[in-house]
Amino acid sequence: MKLWQIPHDKLSRFWPVVAPMLHRAYQRGVLGSTFAELVQDFGNHLAQLWVIVDDVKIVASLATSLEATRDAKFCVVRAIGGTRMREWIHLIEDLESYARTEDCTAMRITGRKGWERVLKNYFQPFVVLEKRL
C-alpha cells in the first residue's frame, strides 16, 4: 500500500473514484464541515487530496487541510473513506511526515469516536483527536 498526494491540477482525474468514498465519510458523521464545503475547499486549493493505492486500485482516500492558530499550525484530516484500513493505517505516519515538512506542530483528526481506538498515539482534547509532531 502507498499513500499519494494528488496535485490540485490532477484532482478531476481522481474525483469519480474518491468522491463517493469521501462523501460516505461525511454521511457517517464527519464533524466541523460539510461535503459541499470540502469540495469548495478543493476548488480553492485549501484542502489536499490523498489516495491510498494497492498494486491495482485506489482503496481509500483522505482529505486534509493546513490550519493555523496564533500558537500552532495543524494538519487536519477532514475525512477518510475507503476499505481495508488495517492494511494501510500505518501510512498515517507518512501523512505526519508531510505535516512536519509543512511546519505543522500537530495532526488533528475530526470524525467519529471510533478513530480513537485505531490511532493509539492520538488523544482527544475535545471531540478532535490530536497528535503532537
Protein backbone atom coordinates (compact mmCIF):
# COMPACT_ATOMS: atom_id res chain seq x y z
CA MET A 1 0.00 0.00 0.00
CA LYS A 2 1.17 3.51 -0.77
CA LEU A 3 -0.08 6.98 0.15
CA TRP A 4 -0.03 9.56 -2.65
CA GLN A 5 -0.88 13.23 -2.55
CA ILE A 6 -2.85 14.27 -5.62
CA PRO A 7 -1.86 17.64 -7.11
CA HIS A 8 -4.76 20.07 -7.44
CA ASP A 9 -4.47 20.09 -11.23
CA LYS A 10 -4.99 16.30 -11.31
CA LEU A 11 -7.92 16.18 -8.89
CA SER A 12 -10.56 15.86 -11.63
CA ARG A 13 -8.95 12.63 -12.88
CA PHE A 14 -9.37 11.02 -9.45
CA TRP A 15 -12.64 12.63 -8.40
CA PRO A 16 -15.02 9.97 -9.82
CA VAL A 17 -13.34 7.33 -7.63
CA VAL A 18 -12.61 9.32 -4.47
CA ALA A 19 -15.75 11.48 -4.23
CA PRO A 20 -18.04 8.60 -3.19
CA MET A 21 -15.50 7.48 -0.56
CA LEU A 22 -15.25 10.93 0.96
CA HIS A 23 -18.97 11.56 0.69
CA ARG A 24 -19.68 8.36 2.68
CA ALA A 25 -17.31 9.60 5.38
CA TYR A 26 -19.35 12.78 5.68
CA GLN A 27 -22.58 10.80 5.81
CA ARG A 28 -21.18 8.78 8.71
CA GLY A 29 -20.51 11.82 10.81
CA VAL A 30 -17.52 13.99 9.93
CA LEU A 31 -17.51 16.98 12.25
CA GLY A 32 -16.80 20.60 11.52
CA SER A 33 -17.77 20.98 7.86
CA THR A 34 -19.92 19.60 5.09
CA PHE A 35 -19.04 17.66 1.98
CA ALA A 36 -20.01 20.71 -0.10
CA GLU A 37 -17.54 22.82 1.89
CA LEU A 38 -14.83 20.23 1.27
CA VAL A 39 -15.49 20.32 -2.47
CA GLN A 40 -15.29 24.12 -2.37
CA ASP A 41 -12.02 23.95 -0.43
CA PHE A 42 -10.54 21.60 -3.04
CA GLY A 43 -11.51 24.12 -5.71
CA ASN A 44 -9.89 26.95 -3.75
CA HIS A 45 -6.74 24.89 -3.08
CA LEU A 46 -7.43 24.97 0.68
CA ALA A 47 -7.70 21.18 1.00
CA GLN A 48 -5.36 18.42 -0.06
CA LEU A 49 -6.43 15.10 -1.58
CA TRP A 50 -4.63 11.87 -0.77
CA VAL A 51 -5.19 8.37 -2.09
CA ILE A 52 -4.11 5.02 -0.78
CA VAL A 53 -3.40 2.52 -3.52
CA ASP A 54 -2.58 -1.15 -3.59
CA ASP A 55 -0.94 -2.67 -6.66
CA VAL A 56 -4.02 -2.15 -8.79
CA LYS A 57 -6.52 0.37 -7.46
CA ILE A 58 -7.40 3.12 -5.03
CA VAL A 59 -8.65 1.55 -1.81
CA ALA A 60 -9.08 4.71 0.29
CA SER A 61 -8.93 8.48 0.10
CA LEU A 62 -8.25 11.24 2.59
CA ALA A 63 -8.87 14.95 2.68
CA THR A 64 -6.64 17.23 4.72
CA SER A 65 -6.19 20.92 5.26
CA LEU A 66 -3.47 23.01 6.85
CA GLU A 67 -4.83 25.29 9.53
CA ALA A 68 -3.08 27.80 11.73
CA THR A 69 -3.93 29.43 15.01
CA ARG A 70 -1.98 32.14 16.77
CA ASP A 71 0.10 29.50 18.55
CA ALA A 72 0.25 26.46 16.27
CA LYS A 73 -0.17 25.01 12.79
CA PHE A 74 -2.12 21.79 12.27
CA CYS A 75 -2.57 19.26 9.53
CA VAL A 76 -6.24 18.41 9.88
CA VAL A 77 -7.58 15.15 8.49
CA ARG A 78 -11.07 16.16 7.49
CA ALA A 79 -12.34 12.88 6.05
CA ILE A 80 -11.15 9.36 5.39
CA GLY A 81 -13.10 6.91 3.27
CA GLY A 82 -12.45 3.55 1.73
CA THR A 83 -11.77 -0.05 2.62
CA ARG A 84 -9.02 -2.31 4.02
CA MET A 85 -8.00 0.13 6.75
CA ARG A 86 -5.98 -2.44 8.70
CA GLU A 87 -3.69 -2.73 5.69
CA TRP A 88 -2.95 0.99 5.39
CA ILE A 89 -3.50 2.67 8.76
CA HIS A 90 0.28 2.70 9.30
CA LEU A 91 0.51 5.15 6.36
CA ILE A 92 -0.74 7.86 8.72
CA GLU A 93 2.96 8.14 9.60
CA ASP A 94 3.64 9.31 6.03
CA LEU A 95 0.97 11.96 6.46
CA GLU A 96 2.64 13.03 9.70
CA SER A 97 5.95 13.39 7.84
CA TYR A 98 4.23 15.61 5.28
CA ALA A 99 2.81 17.73 8.11
CA ARG A 100 6.27 18.19 9.59
CA THR A 101 7.59 19.43 6.23
CA GLU A 102 4.74 21.97 6.27
CA ASP A 103 5.89 23.15 9.74
CA CYS A 104 2.84 21.74 11.50
CA THR A 105 3.12 21.20 15.23
CA ALA A 106 0.33 18.62 15.41
CA MET A 107 -2.05 16.40 13.48
CA ARG A 108 -5.78 16.65 14.11
CA ILE A 109 -8.49 14.28 13.04
CA THR A 110 -12.13 15.22 13.19
CA GLY A 111 -14.58 12.41 12.97
CA ARG A 112 -16.27 9.57 14.77
CA LYS A 113 -15.07 8.47 18.18
CA GLY A 114 -14.05 5.10 16.69
CA TRP A 115 -10.83 6.66 15.35
CA GLU A 116 -9.58 6.88 18.93
CA ARG A 117 -9.46 3.07 19.11
CA VAL A 118 -7.42 2.82 15.89
CA LEU A 119 -4.95 5.70 16.34
CA LYS A 120 -3.37 4.85 19.69
CA ASN A 121 -0.84 7.73 19.73
CA TYR A 122 -3.61 10.30 19.32
CA PHE A 123 -5.61 11.79 22.17
CA GLN A 124 -8.98 13.51 22.40
CA PRO A 125 -8.73 17.11 23.70
CA PHE A 126 -12.38 17.82 22.86
CA VAL A 127 -14.12 15.91 20.09
CA VAL A 128 -10.97 16.06 17.99
CA LEU A 129 -8.10 13.56 18.05
CA GLU A 130 -4.67 15.14 18.08
CA LYS A 131 -1.05 14.03 17.92
CA ARG A 132 1.86 16.39 18.58
CA LEU A 133 4.59 16.20 15.90
